[in-house]
């Protein structure tokens, strides 16, 4: 088991060394993250009184609901209609009733 330099040369010992190294690396990484968080907290607390707000603190009045715009007309080219998959059909209305009939072509 022992080599001439006093180290253990077994597969199990090497595997334990890798696991220990991985655990140590993870702990160092977590420590650095904690150190960064603590540093940011201290820095923000120190500069709390010296910071100025980015925008004015005046609040705008709440907007009132707008009235409907009414009828709107959109003109599309035949190419745009084909790309969008819109099919047009003539609309007919019966004058004696309230019903509107749309004929699909």
PDB file of N, CA and C in Angstrom:
ATOM      1  N   UNK A   1       0.789  -1.181   0.000  1.00  0.00           N
ATOM      2  CA  UNK A   1       0.000   0.000   0.000  1.00  0.00           C
ATOM      3  C   UNK A   1       0.838   1.253   0.000  1.00  0.00           C
ATOM      4  N   UNK A   2       1.832   1.301   0.850  1.00  0.00           N
ATOM      5  CA  UNK A   2       2.663   2.490   0.933  1.00  0.00           C
ATOM      6  C   UNK A   2       3.677   2.504  -0.197  1.00  0.00           C
ATOM      7  N   UNK A   3       3.916   3.685  -0.666  1.00  0.00           N
ATOM      8  CA  UNK A   3       4.954   3.855  -1.673  1.00  0.00           C
ATOM      9  C   UNK A   3       6.216   4.327  -0.979  1.00  0.00           C
ATOM     10  N   UNK A   4       7.220   4.580  -1.740  1.00  0.00           N
ATOM     11  CA  UNK A   4       8.485   4.968  -1.126  1.00  0.00           C
ATOM     12  C   UNK A   4       8.459   6.366  -0.525  1.00  0.00           C
ATOM     13  N   UNK A   5       7.459   7.211  -0.903  1.00  0.00           N
ATOM     14  CA  UNK A   5       7.375   8.567  -0.352  1.00  0.00           C
ATOM     15  C   UNK A   5       6.404   8.652   0.807  1.00  0.00           C
ATOM     16  N   UNK A   6       5.813   7.554   1.249  1.00  0.00           N
ATOM     17  CA  UNK A   6       4.916   7.549   2.384  1.00  0.00           C
ATOM     18  C   UNK A   6       3.482   7.895   2.030  1.00  0.00           C
ATOM     19  N   UNK A   7       3.119   7.914   0.754  1.00  0.00           N
ATOM     20  CA  UNK A   7       1.750   8.207   0.366  1.00  0.00           C
ATOM     21  C   UNK A   7       1.028   6.910   0.087  1.00  0.00           C
ATOM     22  N   UNK A   8      -0.273   6.940   0.231  1.00  0.00           N
ATOM     23  CA  UNK A   8      -1.093   5.756  -0.009  1.00  0.00           C
ATOM     24  C   UNK A   8      -1.466   5.739  -1.481  1.00  0.00           C
ATOM     25  N   UNK A   9      -1.274   4.605  -2.111  1.00  0.00           N
ATOM     26  CA  UNK A   9      -1.518   4.484  -3.543  1.00  0.00           C
ATOM     27  C   UNK A   9      -2.640   3.478  -3.782  1.00  0.00           C
ATOM     28  N   UNK A  10      -3.818   3.740  -3.241  1.00  0.00           N
ATOM     29  CA  UNK A  10      -4.938   2.835  -3.467  1.00  0.00           C
ATOM     30  C   UNK A  10      -6.055   3.607  -4.163  1.00  0.00           C
ATOM     31  N   UNK A  11      -6.906   2.919  -4.930  1.00  0.00           N
ATOM     32  CA  UNK A  11      -7.996   3.611  -5.633  1.00  0.00           C
ATOM     33  C   UNK A  11      -8.977   4.267  -4.674  1.00  0.00           C
ATOM     34  N   UNK A  12      -9.209   3.626  -3.502  1.00  0.00           N
ATOM     35  CA  UNK A  12     -10.155   4.200  -2.551  1.00  0.00           C
ATOM     36  C   UNK A  12      -9.627   5.498  -1.957  1.00  0.00           C
ATOM     37  N   UNK A  13      -8.348   5.540  -1.682  1.00  0.00           N
ATOM     38  CA  UNK A  13      -7.746   6.752  -1.122  1.00  0.00           C
ATOM     39  C   UNK A  13      -7.788   7.889  -2.136  1.00  0.00           C
ATOM     40  N   UNK A  14      -7.560   7.581  -3.397  1.00  0.00           N
ATOM     41  CA  UNK A  14      -7.614   8.620  -4.431  1.00  0.00           C
ATOM     42  C   UNK A  14      -9.038   9.133  -4.588  1.00  0.00           C
ATOM     43  N   UNK A  15     -10.039   8.244  -4.495  1.00  0.00           N
ATOM     44  CA  UNK A  15     -11.437   8.657  -4.632  1.00  0.00           C
ATOM     45  C   UNK A  15     -11.838   9.556  -3.468  1.00  0.00           C
ATOM     46  N   UNK A  16     -11.402   9.206  -2.259  1.00  0.00           N
ATOM     47  CA  UNK A  16     -11.691  10.056  -1.103  1.00  0.00           C
ATOM     48  C   UNK A  16     -11.054  11.431  -1.265  1.00  0.00           C
ATOM     49  N   UNK A  17      -9.881  11.463  -1.858  1.00  0.00           N
ATOM     50  CA  UNK A  17      -9.209  12.743  -2.082  1.00  0.00           C
ATOM     51  C   UNK A  17      -9.960  13.627  -3.060  1.00  0.00           C
ATOM     52  N   UNK A  18     -10.523  13.025  -4.085  1.00  0.00           N
ATOM     53  CA  UNK A  18     -11.304  13.796  -5.072  1.00  0.00           C
ATOM     54  C   UNK A  18     -12.580  14.328  -4.443  1.00  0.00           C
ATOM     55  N   UNK A  19     -13.248  13.492  -3.646  1.00  0.00           N
ATOM     56  CA  UNK A  19     -14.492  13.917  -3.000  1.00  0.00           C
ATOM     57  C   UNK A  19     -14.195  15.046  -2.016  1.00  0.00           C
ATOM     58  N   UNK A  20     -13.127  14.903  -1.255  1.00  0.00           N
ATOM     59  CA  UNK A  20     -12.759  15.949  -0.299  1.00  0.00           C
ATOM     60  C   UNK A  20     -12.419  17.246  -1.018  1.00  0.00           C
ATOM     61  N   UNK A  21     -11.722  17.147  -2.142  1.00  0.00           N
ATOM     62  CA  UNK A  21     -11.373  18.340  -2.912  1.00  0.00           C
ATOM     63  C   UNK A  21     -12.632  19.008  -3.476  1.00  0.00           C
ATOM     64  N   UNK A  22     -13.592  18.206  -3.940  1.00  0.00           N
ATOM     65  CA  UNK A  22     -14.842  18.756  -4.477  1.00  0.00           C
ATOM     66  C   UNK A  22     -15.643  19.446  -3.377  1.00  0.00           C
ATOM     67  N   UNK A  23     -15.691  18.843  -2.192  1.00  0.00           N
ATOM     68  CA  UNK A  23     -16.395  19.461  -1.064  1.00  0.00           C
ATOM     69  C   UNK A  23     -15.725  20.768  -0.659  1.00  0.00           C
ATOM     70  N   UNK A  24     -14.411  20.767  -0.625  1.00  0.00           N
ATOM     71  CA  UNK A  24     -13.683  21.976  -0.273  1.00  0.00           C
ATOM     72  C   UNK A  24     -13.930  23.081  -1.308  1.00  0.00           C
ATOM     73  N   UNK A  25     -13.941  22.716  -2.573  1.00  0.00           N
ATOM     74  CA  UNK A  25     -14.211  23.685  -3.635  1.00  0.00           C
ATOM     75  C   UNK A  25     -15.617  24.263  -3.472  1.00  0.00           C
ATOM     76  N   UNK A  26     -16.604  23.422  -3.162  1.00  0.00           N
ATOM     77  CA  UNK A  26     -17.972  23.899  -2.952  1.00  0.00           C
ATOM     78  C   UNK A  26     -18.078  24.837  -1.773  1.00  0.00           C
ATOM     79  N   UNK A  27     -17.387  24.504  -0.679  1.00  0.00           N
ATOM     80  CA  UNK A  27     -17.417  25.377   0.489  1.00  0.00           C
ATOM     81  C   UNK A  27     -16.756  26.723   0.207  1.00  0.00           C
ATOM     82  N   UNK A  28     -15.675  26.706  -0.539  1.00  0.00           N
ATOM     83  CA  UNK A  28     -15.016  27.964  -0.910  1.00  0.00           C
ATOM     84  C   UNK A  28     -15.941  28.804  -1.785  1.00  0.00           C
ATOM     85  N   UNK A  29     -16.637  28.171  -2.719  1.00  0.00           N
ATOM     86  CA  UNK A  29     -17.565  28.901  -3.594  1.00  0.00           C
ATOM     87  C   UNK A  29     -18.698  29.522  -2.777  1.00  0.00           C
ATOM     88  N   UNK A  30     -19.282  28.753  -1.864  1.00  0.00           N
ATOM     89  CA  UNK A  30     -20.347  29.298  -1.021  1.00  0.00           C
ATOM     90  C   UNK A  30     -19.827  30.431  -0.133  1.00  0.00           C
ATOM     91  N   UNK A  31     -18.613  30.292   0.362  1.00  0.00           N
ATOM     92  CA  UNK A  31     -18.026  31.353   1.172  1.00  0.00           C
ATOM     93  C   UNK A  31     -17.836  32.640   0.392  1.00  0.00           C
ATOM     94  N   UNK A  32     -17.410  32.519  -0.853  1.00  0.00           N
ATOM     95  CA  UNK A  32     -17.229  33.714  -1.679  1.00  0.00           C
ATOM     96  C   UNK A  32     -18.566  34.376  -1.996  1.00  0.00           C
ATOM     97  N   UNK A  33     -19.599  33.575  -2.216  1.00  0.00           N
ATOM     98  CA  UNK A  33     -20.932  34.140  -2.466  1.00  0.00           C
ATOM     99  C   UNK A  33     -21.426  34.876  -1.226  1.00  0.00           C
ATOM    100  N   UNK A  34     -21.249  34.262  -0.047  1.00  0.00           N
ATOM    101  CA  UNK A  34     -21.664  34.906   1.197  1.00  0.00           C
ATOM    102  C   UNK A  34     -20.880  36.188   1.441  1.00  0.00           C
ATOM    103  N   UNK A  35     -19.594  36.176   1.149  1.00  0.00           N
ATOM    104  CA  UNK A  35     -18.764  37.371   1.320  1.00  0.00           C
ATOM    105  C   UNK A  35     -19.234  38.498   0.396  1.00  0.00           C
ATOM    106  N   UNK A  36     -19.578  38.163  -0.825  1.00  0.00           N
ATOM    107  CA  UNK A  36     -20.088  39.172  -1.763  1.00  0.00           C
ATOM    108  C   UNK A  36     -21.423  39.742  -1.323  1.00  0.00           C
ATOM    109  N   UNK A  37     -22.312  38.893  -0.816  1.00  0.00           N
ATOM    110  CA  UNK A  37     -23.609  39.372  -0.338  1.00  0.00           C
ATOM    111  C   UNK A  37     -23.436  40.280   0.870  1.00  0.00           C
ATOM    112  N   UNK A  38     -22.561  39.889   1.777  1.00  0.00           N
ATOM    113  CA  UNK A  38     -22.314  40.718   2.956  1.00  0.00           C
ATOM    114  C   UNK A  38     -21.696  42.053   2.553  1.00  0.00           C
ATOM    115  N   UNK A  39     -20.766  42.045   1.625  1.00  0.00           N
ATOM    116  CA  UNK A  39     -20.152  43.281   1.160  1.00  0.00           C
ATOM    117  C   UNK A  39     -21.150  44.210   0.497  1.00  0.00           C
ATOM    118  N   UNK A  40     -22.040  43.656  -0.287  1.00  0.00           N
ATOM    119  CA  UNK A  40     -23.065  44.480  -0.946  1.00  0.00           C
ATOM    120  C   UNK A  40     -24.008  45.083   0.077  1.00  0.00           C
ATOM    121  N   UNK A  41     -24.376  44.298   1.091  1.00  0.00           N
ATOM    122  CA  UNK A  41     -25.263  44.808   2.132  1.00  0.00           C
ATOM    123  C   UNK A  41     -24.612  45.956   2.895  1.00  0.00           C
ATOM    124  N   UNK A  42     -23.373  45.796   3.269  1.00  0.00           N
ATOM    125  CA  UNK A  42     -22.662  46.849   3.999  1.00  0.00           C
ATOM    126  C   UNK A  42     -22.520  48.093   3.125  1.00  0.00           C
ATOM    127  N   UNK A  43     -22.181  47.918   1.861  1.00  0.00           N
ATOM    128  CA  UNK A  43     -22.016  49.065   0.966  1.00  0.00           C
ATOM    129  C   UNK A  43     -23.326  49.809   0.776  1.00  0.00           C
ATOM    130  N   UNK A  44     -24.434  49.089   0.655  1.00  0.00           N
ATOM    131  CA  UNK A  44     -25.724  49.759   0.461  1.00  0.00           C
ATOM    132  C   UNK A  44     -26.165  50.479   1.727  1.00  0.00           C
ATOM    133  N   UNK A  45     -25.875  49.916   2.892  1.00  0.00           N
ATOM    134  CA  UNK A  45     -26.246  50.590   4.135  1.00  0.00           C
ATOM    135  C   UNK A  45     -25.417  51.851   4.362  1.00  0.00           C
ATOM    136  N   UNK A  46     -24.166  51.824   3.966  1.00  0.00           N
ATOM    137  CA  UNK A  46     -23.308  53.001   4.156  1.00  0.00           C
ATOM    138  C   UNK A  46     -23.712  54.153   3.246  1.00  0.00           C
ATOM    139  N   UNK A  47     -24.155  53.851   2.035  1.00  0.00           N
ATOM    140  CA  UNK A  47     -24.487  54.898   1.066  1.00  0.00           C
ATOM    141  C   UNK A  47     -25.970  55.228   1.058  1.00  0.00           C
ATOM    142  N   UNK A  48     -26.734  54.721   2.021  1.00  0.00           N
ATOM    143  CA  UNK A  48     -28.190  54.913   2.012  1.00  0.00           C
ATOM    144  C   UNK A  48     -28.571  56.384   2.102  1.00  0.00           C
ATOM    145  N   UNK A  49     -27.909  57.156   2.940  1.00  0.00           N
ATOM    146  CA  UNK A  49     -28.251  58.560   3.111  1.00  0.00           C
ATOM    147  C   UNK A  49     -27.734  59.447   2.001  1.00  0.00           C
ATOM    148  N   UNK A  50     -26.735  59.040   1.264  1.00  0.00           N
ATOM    149  CA  UNK A  50     -26.134  59.895   0.252  1.00  0.00           C
ATOM    150  C   UNK A  50     -26.743  59.707  -1.132  1.00  0.00           C
ATOM    151  N   UNK A  51     -27.512  58.674  -1.298  1.00  0.00           N
ATOM    152  CA  UNK A  51     -28.102  58.436  -2.632  1.00  0.00           C
ATOM    153  C   UNK A  51     -29.260  59.393  -2.883  1.00  0.00           C
ATOM    154  N   UNK A  52     -29.410  59.821  -4.124  1.00  0.00           N
ATOM    155  CA  UNK A  52     -30.526  60.653  -4.534  1.00  0.00           C
ATOM    156  C   UNK A  52     -31.469  59.813  -5.378  1.00  0.00           C
ATOM    157  N   UNK A  53     -32.769  60.057  -5.287  1.00  0.00           N
ATOM    158  CA  UNK A  53     -33.692  59.297  -6.131  1.00  0.00           C
ATOM    159  C   UNK A  53     -33.447  59.592  -7.605  1.00  0.00           C
ATOM    160  N   UNK A  54     -33.641  58.600  -8.426  1.00  0.00           N
ATOM    161  CA  UNK A  54     -33.371  58.748  -9.852  1.00  0.00           C
ATOM    162  C   UNK A  54     -34.408  59.626 -10.531  1.00  0.00           C
ATOM    163  N   UNK A  55     -35.653  59.550 -10.086  1.00  0.00           N
ATOM    164  CA  UNK A  55     -36.713  60.319 -10.731  1.00  0.00           C
ATOM    165  C   UNK A  55     -37.400  61.189  -9.683  1.00  0.00           C
ATOM    166  N   UNK A  56     -38.180  62.114 -10.144  1.00  0.00           N
ATOM    167  CA  UNK A  56     -38.928  62.977  -9.254  1.00  0.00           C
ATOM    168  C   UNK A  56     -39.956  62.159  -8.486  1.00  0.00           C
ATOM    169  N   UNK A  57     -40.253  62.570  -7.262  1.00  0.00           N
ATOM    170  CA  UNK A  57     -41.202  61.829  -6.440  1.00  0.00           C
ATOM    171  C   UNK A  57     -42.620  62.338  -6.603  1.00  0.00           C
ATOM    172  N   UNK A  58     -42.863  63.281  -7.499  1.00  0.00           N
ATOM    173  CA  UNK A  58     -44.196  63.795  -7.736  1.00  0.00           C
ATOM    174  C   UNK A  58     -44.992  62.729  -8.473  1.00  0.00           C
ATOM    175  N   UNK A  59     -46.172  62.415  -7.932  1.00  0.00           N
ATOM    176  CA  UNK A  59     -47.004  61.393  -8.569  1.00  0.00           C
ATOM    177  C   UNK A  59     -47.968  62.053  -9.532  1.00  0.00           C
ATOM    178  N   UNK A  60     -48.205  61.404 -10.620  1.00  0.00           N
ATOM    179  CA  UNK A  60     -49.131  61.918 -11.624  1.00  0.00           C
ATOM    180  C   UNK A  60     -50.552  61.535 -11.238  1.00  0.00           C
ATOM    181  N   UNK A  61     -51.496  62.306 -11.715  1.00  0.00           N
ATOM    182  CA  UNK A  61     -52.894  62.016 -11.450  1.00  0.00           C
ATOM    183  C   UNK A  61     -53.291  60.711 -12.143  1.00  0.00           C
ATOM    184  N   UNK A  62     -54.200  60.001 -11.526  1.00  0.00           N
ATOM    185  CA  UNK A  62     -54.668  58.751 -12.104  1.00  0.00           C
ATOM    186  C   UNK A  62     -55.453  59.051 -13.372  1.00  0.00           C
ATOM    187  N   UNK A  63     -55.097  58.423 -14.487  1.00  0.00           N
ATOM    188  CA  UNK A  63     -55.822  58.713 -15.729  1.00  0.00           C
ATOM    189  C   UNK A  63     -57.251  58.173 -15.663  1.00  0.00           C
ATOM    190  N   UNK A  64     -58.151  58.937 -16.254  1.00  0.00           N
ATOM    191  CA  UNK A  64     -59.545  58.497 -16.308  1.00  0.00           C
ATOM    192  C   UNK A  64     -59.722  57.569 -17.494  1.00  0.00           C
ATOM    193  N   UNK A  65     -60.673  56.652 -17.413  1.00  0.00           N
ATOM    194  CA  UNK A  65     -60.897  55.749 -18.552  1.00  0.00           C
ATOM    195  C   UNK A  65     -61.296  56.549 -19.790  1.00  0.00           C
ATOM    196  N   UNK A  66     -60.718  56.202 -20.895  1.00  0.00           N
ATOM    197  CA  UNK A  66     -60.993  56.908 -22.146  1.00  0.00           C
ATOM    198  C   UNK A  66     -62.275  56.383 -22.769  1.00  0.00           C
ATOM    199  N   UNK A  67     -62.923  57.249 -23.489  1.00  0.00           N
ATOM    200  CA  UNK A  67     -64.128  56.861 -24.226  1.00  0.00           C
ATOM    201  C   UNK A  67     -63.721  56.015 -25.426  1.00  0.00           C
ATOM    202  N   UNK A  68     -64.576  55.113 -25.858  1.00  0.00           N
ATOM    203  CA  UNK A  68     -64.248  54.327 -27.060  1.00  0.00           C
ATOM    204  C   UNK A  68     -64.018  55.255 -28.245  1.00  0.00           C
ATOM    205  N   UNK A  69     -63.089  54.885 -29.082  1.00  0.00           N
ATOM    206  CA  UNK A  69     -62.705  55.723 -30.212  1.00  0.00           C
ATOM    207  C   UNK A  69     -63.759  55.737 -31.304  1.00  0.00           C
ATOM    208  N   UNK A  70     -64.660  54.802 -31.280  1.00  0.00           N
ATOM    209  CA  UNK A  70     -65.682  54.748 -32.319  1.00  0.00           C
ATOM    210  C   UNK A  70     -65.262  53.774 -33.405  1.00  0.00           C
ATOM    211  N   UNK A  71     -65.718  54.048 -34.600  1.00  0.00           N
ATOM    212  CA  UNK A  71     -65.392  53.146 -35.701  1.00  0.00           C
ATOM    213  C   UNK A  71     -63.971  53.394 -36.194  1.00  0.00           C
ATOM    214  N   UNK A  72     -63.322  52.330 -36.563  1.00  0.00           N
ATOM    215  CA  UNK A  72     -61.977  52.440 -37.115  1.00  0.00           C
ATOM    216  C   UNK A  72     -61.934  51.632 -38.403  1.00  0.00           C
ATOM    217  N   UNK A  73     -61.202  52.133 -39.352  1.00  0.00           N
ATOM    218  CA  UNK A  73     -61.087  51.448 -40.631  1.00  0.00           C
ATOM    219  C   UNK A  73     -59.615  51.145 -40.884  1.00  0.00           C
ATOM    220  N   UNK A  74     -59.339  49.884 -41.200  1.00  0.00           N
ATOM    221  CA  UNK A  74     -57.985  49.454 -41.487  1.00  0.00           C
ATOM    222  C   UNK A  74     -57.944  48.974 -42.926  1.00  0.00           C
ATOM    223  N   UNK A  75     -57.006  49.497 -43.699  1.00  0.00           N
ATOM    224  CA  UNK A  75     -56.873  49.111 -45.090  1.00  0.00           C
ATOM    225  C   UNK A  75     -55.637  48.219 -45.218  1.00  0.00           C
ATOM    226  N   UNK A  76     -55.840  46.999 -45.712  1.00  0.00           N
ATOM    227  CA  UNK A  76     -54.739  46.066 -45.928  1.00  0.00           C
ATOM    228  C   UNK A  76     -54.623  45.755 -47.411  1.00  0.00           C
ATOM    229  N   UNK A  77     -53.411  45.538 -47.848  1.00  0.00           N
ATOM    230  CA  UNK A  77     -53.211  45.155 -49.243  1.00  0.00           C
ATOM    231  C   UNK A  77     -53.621  43.694 -49.409  1.00  0.00           C
ATOM    232  N   UNK A  78     -53.795  43.267 -50.646  1.00  0.00           N
ATOM    233  CA  UNK A  78     -54.185  41.879 -50.889  1.00  0.00           C
ATOM    234  C   UNK A  78     -53.091  40.913 -50.452  1.00  0.00           C
ATOM    235  N   UNK A  79     -51.819  41.359 -50.553  1.00  0.00           N
ATOM    236  CA  UNK A  79     -50.715  40.511 -50.086  1.00  0.00           C
ATOM    237  C   UNK A  79     -50.767  40.329 -48.572  1.00  0.00           C
ATOM    238  N   UNK A  80     -51.079  41.399 -47.839  1.00  0.00           N
ATOM    239  CA  UNK A  80     -51.174  41.306 -46.381  1.00  0.00           C
ATOM    240  C   UNK A  80     -52.342  40.422 -45.972  1.00  0.00           C
ATOM    241  N   UNK A  81     -53.444  40.524 -46.700  1.00  0.00           N
ATOM    242  CA  UNK A  81     -54.589  39.658 -46.407  1.00  0.00           C
ATOM    243  C   UNK A  81     -54.234  38.195 -46.623  1.00  0.00           C
ATOM    244  N   UNK A  82     -53.499  37.902 -47.688  1.00  0.00           N
ATOM    245  CA  UNK A  82     -53.115  36.517 -47.977  1.00  0.00           C
ATOM    246  C   UNK A  82     -52.141  35.990 -46.924  1.00  0.00           C
ATOM    247  N   UNK A  83     -51.181  36.820 -46.511  1.00  0.00           N
ATOM    248  CA  UNK A  83     -50.221  36.388 -45.482  1.00  0.00           C
ATOM    249  C   UNK A  83     -50.904  36.128 -44.144  1.00  0.00           C
ATOM    250  N   UNK A  84     -51.886  36.952 -43.791  1.00  0.00           N
ATOM    251  CA  UNK A  84     -52.581  36.795 -42.521  1.00  0.00           C
ATOM    252  C   UNK A  84     -53.642  35.708 -42.583  1.00  0.00           C
ATOM    253  N   UNK A  85     -53.982  35.264 -43.758  1.00  0.00           N
ATOM    254  CA  UNK A  85     -54.995  34.217 -43.898  1.00  0.00           C
ATOM    255  C   UNK A  85     -56.407  34.741 -43.723  1.00  0.00           C
ATOM    256  N   UNK A  86     -56.627  36.013 -44.030  1.00  0.00           N
ATOM    257  CA  UNK A  86     -57.946  36.612 -43.874  1.00  0.00           C
ATOM    258  C   UNK A  86     -58.721  36.436 -45.172  1.00  0.00           C
ATOM    259  N   UNK A  87     -59.915  35.919 -45.040  1.00  0.00           N
ATOM    260  CA  UNK A  87     -60.787  35.756 -46.218  1.00  0.00           C
ATOM    261  C   UNK A  87     -61.913  36.772 -46.108  1.00  0.00           C
ATOM    262  N   UNK A  88     -62.195  37.449 -47.206  1.00  0.00           N
ATOM    263  CA  UNK A  88     -63.254  38.455 -47.211  1.00  0.00           C
ATOM    264  C   UNK A  88     -64.479  37.895 -47.902  1.00  0.00           C
ATOM    265  N   UNK A  89     -65.629  38.417 -47.505  1.00  0.00           N
ATOM    266  CA  UNK A  89     -66.897  38.005 -48.101  1.00  0.00           C
ATOM    267  C   UNK A  89     -67.832  39.205 -48.070  1.00  0.00           C
ATOM    268  N   UNK A  90     -68.744  39.277 -49.017  1.00  0.00           N
ATOM    269  CA  UNK A  90     -69.697  40.396 -49.003  1.00  0.00           C
ATOM    270  C   UNK A  90     -70.680  40.258 -47.831  1.00  0.00           C
ATOM    271  N   UNK A  91     -71.050  41.380 -47.247  1.00  0.00           N
ATOM    272  CA  UNK A  91     -71.990  41.409 -46.130  1.00  0.00           C
ATOM    273  C   UNK A  91     -73.309  41.947 -46.639  1.00  0.00           C
ATOM    274  N   UNK A  92     -74.388  41.242 -46.314  1.00  0.00           N
ATOM    275  CA  UNK A  92     -75.727  41.707 -46.718  1.00  0.00           C
ATOM    276  C   UNK A  92     -76.566  41.878 -45.458  1.00  0.00           C
ATOM    277  N   UNK A  93     -77.424  42.843 -45.479  1.00  0.00           N
ATOM    278  CA  UNK A  93     -78.302  43.109 -44.343  1.00  0.00           C
ATOM    279  C   UNK A  93     -79.746  43.053 -44.829  1.00  0.00           C
ATOM    280  N   UNK A  94     -80.606  42.508 -43.998  1.00  0.00           N
ATOM    281  CA  UNK A  94     -82.037  42.464 -44.308  1.00  0.00           C
ATOM    282  C   UNK A  94     -82.659  43.701 -43.690  1.00  0.00           C
ATOM    283  N   UNK A  95     -83.349  44.486 -44.493  1.00  0.00           N
ATOM    284  CA  UNK A  95     -83.865  45.762 -44.019  1.00  0.00           C
ATOM    285  C   UNK A  95     -85.062  45.589 -43.078  1.00  0.00           C
ATOM    286  N   UNK A  96     -85.766  44.484 -43.136  1.00  0.00           N
ATOM    287  CA  UNK A  96     -86.955  44.336 -42.301  1.00  0.00           C
ATOM    288  C   UNK A  96     -86.633  43.777 -40.910  1.00  0.00           C
ATOM    289  N   UNK A  97     -85.400  43.383 -40.665  1.00  0.00           N
ATOM    290  CA  UNK A  97     -85.088  42.819 -39.357  1.00  0.00           C
ATOM    291  C   UNK A  97     -83.783  43.369 -38.798  1.00  0.00           C
ATOM    292  N   UNK A  98     -83.377  42.787 -37.705  1.00  0.00           N
ATOM    293  CA  UNK A  98     -82.164  43.208 -37.041  1.00  0.00           C
ATOM    294  C   UNK A  98     -80.976  42.317 -37.447  1.00  0.00           C
ATOM    295  N   UNK A  99     -81.222  41.213 -38.083  1.00  0.00           N
ATOM    296  CA  UNK A  99     -80.187  40.229 -38.392  1.00  0.00           C
ATOM    297  C   UNK A  99     -79.262  40.723 -39.493  1.00  0.00           C
ATOM    298  N   UNK A 100     -78.017  40.323 -39.394  1.00  0.00           N
ATOM    299  CA  UNK A 100     -77.014  40.606 -40.419  1.00  0.00           C
ATOM    300  C   UNK A 100     -76.490  39.262 -40.899  1.00  0.00           C
ATOM    301  N   UNK A 101     -76.429  39.050 -42.192  1.00  0.00           N
ATOM    302  CA  UNK A 101     -75.965  37.785 -42.755  1.00  0.00           C
ATOM    303  C   UNK A 101     -74.615  37.995 -43.403  1.00  0.00           C
ATOM    304  N   UNK A 102     -73.693  37.129 -43.080  1.00  0.00           N
ATOM    305  CA  UNK A 102     -72.370  37.182 -43.686  1.00  0.00           C
ATOM    306  C   UNK A 102     -72.218  35.923 -44.502  1.00  0.00           C
ATOM    307  N   UNK A 103     -71.973  36.092 -45.789  1.00  0.00           N
ATOM    308  CA  UNK A 103     -71.806  34.946 -46.684  1.00  0.00           C
ATOM    309  C   UNK A 103     -70.323  34.594 -46.766  1.00  0.00           C
ATOM    310  N   UNK A 104     -70.015  33.348 -46.467  1.00  0.00           N
ATOM    311  CA  UNK A 104     -68.628  32.890 -46.566  1.00  0.00           C
ATOM    312  C   UNK A 104     -68.367  32.395 -47.967  1.00  0.00           C
ATOM    313  N   UNK A 105     -67.269  32.837 -48.534  1.00  0.00           N
ATOM    314  CA  UNK A 105     -66.921  32.446 -49.901  1.00  0.00           C
ATOM    315  C   UNK A 105     -65.830  31.407 -49.872  1.00  0.00           C
TER     316      UNK A 105
END
